[in-house]
Protein backbone atom coordinates (compact mmCIF):
# COMPACT_ATOMS: atom_id res chain seq x y z
CA MET A 1 64.79 114.96 96.95
CA GLU A 2 64.11 111.92 99.33
CA LEU A 3 66.64 109.33 99.26
CA HIS A 4 64.98 105.84 99.24
CA GLN A 5 67.80 103.63 98.47
CA HIS A 6 71.20 102.61 100.37
CA THR A 7 72.86 102.95 97.29
CA GLN A 8 71.57 106.12 97.07
CA LEU A 9 72.52 107.66 100.24
CA LEU A 10 75.95 106.07 99.57
CA ALA A 11 76.61 107.76 96.30
CA CYS A 12 75.14 111.15 97.65
CA LEU A 13 77.75 111.03 100.57
CA LYS A 14 80.82 109.74 98.30
CA GLU A 15 79.95 112.61 95.67
CA ALA A 16 78.55 115.71 97.47
CA TYR A 17 79.84 115.56 100.90
CA ARG A 18 83.06 113.21 100.93
CA ASP A 19 86.43 115.34 101.52
CA ASN A 20 84.37 118.45 101.88
CA THR A 21 84.33 120.64 104.94
CA VAL A 22 80.82 120.00 106.61
CA VAL A 23 79.09 121.29 109.71
CA VAL A 24 77.40 118.11 111.21
CA THR A 25 74.54 117.75 113.60
CA PHE A 26 74.27 114.00 115.54
CA THR A 27 71.08 113.23 117.12
CA GLN A 28 70.50 110.14 119.15
CA TRP A 29 68.17 109.11 121.24
CA ASP A 30 68.26 106.53 124.24
CA GLY A 31 65.71 104.07 123.58
CA GLU A 32 63.00 103.95 126.12
CA GLU A 33 63.64 107.02 128.07
CA GLU A 34 64.06 109.37 125.09
CA ASP A 35 66.91 111.32 126.08
CA GLU A 36 68.48 113.06 123.39
CA GLN A 37 71.88 113.70 123.00
CA VAL A 38 73.22 116.31 120.67
CA THR A 39 76.69 116.39 119.03
CA GLN A 40 77.84 119.14 116.75
CA PHE A 41 81.26 120.00 115.22
CA GLN A 42 82.79 120.81 111.98
CA GLY A 43 85.28 118.76 109.78
CA THR A 44 86.06 117.16 106.86
CA LEU A 45 84.17 113.88 105.94
CA SER A 46 87.22 111.40 104.83
CA ASP A 47 85.79 107.74 105.24
CA ILE A 48 82.14 106.27 104.28
CA VAL A 49 81.44 102.45 104.93
CA LEU A 50 78.07 100.86 105.04
CA SER A 51 77.33 97.19 106.38
CA ASP A 52 75.13 94.79 107.41
CA ASN A 53 74.63 93.94 111.37
CA LYS A 54 73.70 91.19 113.40
CA PHE A 55 70.35 92.78 113.96
CA GLY A 56 69.21 92.84 110.47
CA THR A 57 69.62 96.59 109.65
CA LYS A 58 72.55 98.51 108.58
CA ASP A 59 75.51 100.39 109.74
CA LEU A 60 76.63 104.03 108.49
CA GLN A 61 79.83 104.51 109.87
CA LEU A 62 81.18 107.86 108.66
CA THR A 63 84.70 109.67 109.84
CA PHE A 64 85.44 112.94 109.73
CA ALA A 65 88.97 114.52 110.24
CA VAL A 66 88.25 117.64 112.41
CA ASP A 67 91.75 119.19 112.71
CA GLU A 68 95.02 117.48 111.94
CA GLU A 69 95.05 115.42 114.85
CA GLN A 70 91.18 114.77 116.16
CA VAL A 71 89.36 112.44 114.30
CA VAL A 72 85.51 111.80 115.10
CA GLU A 73 83.40 108.90 114.12
CA ILE A 74 79.59 108.65 114.03
CA LEU A 75 78.24 104.97 113.79
CA MET A 76 74.35 105.22 112.85
CA GLU A 77 72.11 102.41 112.55
CA LEU A 78 69.92 102.79 109.67
CA PRO A 79 66.47 100.43 109.08
CA ALA A 80 66.98 97.61 106.21
CA GLU A 81 63.86 98.70 104.79
CA GLU A 82 64.88 101.22 101.60
CA GLU A 83 62.29 103.92 102.10
CA ASP A 84 62.69 107.54 103.60
CA LEU A 85 66.45 106.62 104.79
CA ALA A 86 67.42 110.72 104.01
CA PHE A 87 66.32 114.21 102.06
CA GLN A 88 68.44 116.54 100.42
CA ASP A 89 68.75 119.92 99.71
CA GLU A 90 71.14 122.41 98.14
CA LYS A 91 73.88 122.35 100.75
CA THR A 92 72.24 119.89 103.13
CA LEU A 93 71.60 116.20 103.58
CA ARG A 94 69.34 115.08 106.46
CA VAL A 95 69.98 111.22 107.27
CA PHE A 96 67.09 109.11 109.56
CA GLY A 97 68.61 106.53 111.52
CA THR A 98 66.87 104.06 113.81
CA GLU A 99 67.40 106.00 116.81
CA ALA A 100 69.49 108.56 115.55
CA GLU A 101 69.16 111.66 113.09
CA LEU A 102 72.32 113.16 111.09
CA VAL A 103 72.60 116.73 109.52
CA ILE A 104 75.01 117.21 107.50
CA THR A 105 75.66 120.79 105.53
CA LEU A 106 78.40 122.00 103.55
CA HIS A 107 80.21 124.75 104.75
CA THR A 108 80.56 127.97 103.00
């Protein structure tokens, strides 16, 4: 299922993934050089914030509890245009950011 609106994306994250153990793959590109950085971990999605930023786009901030002491925060920029923001299938959500992609899969 394609998600085209920010409100749809937030609802999907909150209903299907928040407070669940997930496997996360976050890929970020460094602008002009096209070097990619890939971060992978498993944790529990605990907080979701979507806000406007000073560049006219949106910031999606996700907080994951990896264990009792470690927390990982992901901040990614989303396009302001509400089209092709994400895709969800049975267990996986792919979020398409401006210079990043986030894949969240429910841990089974």
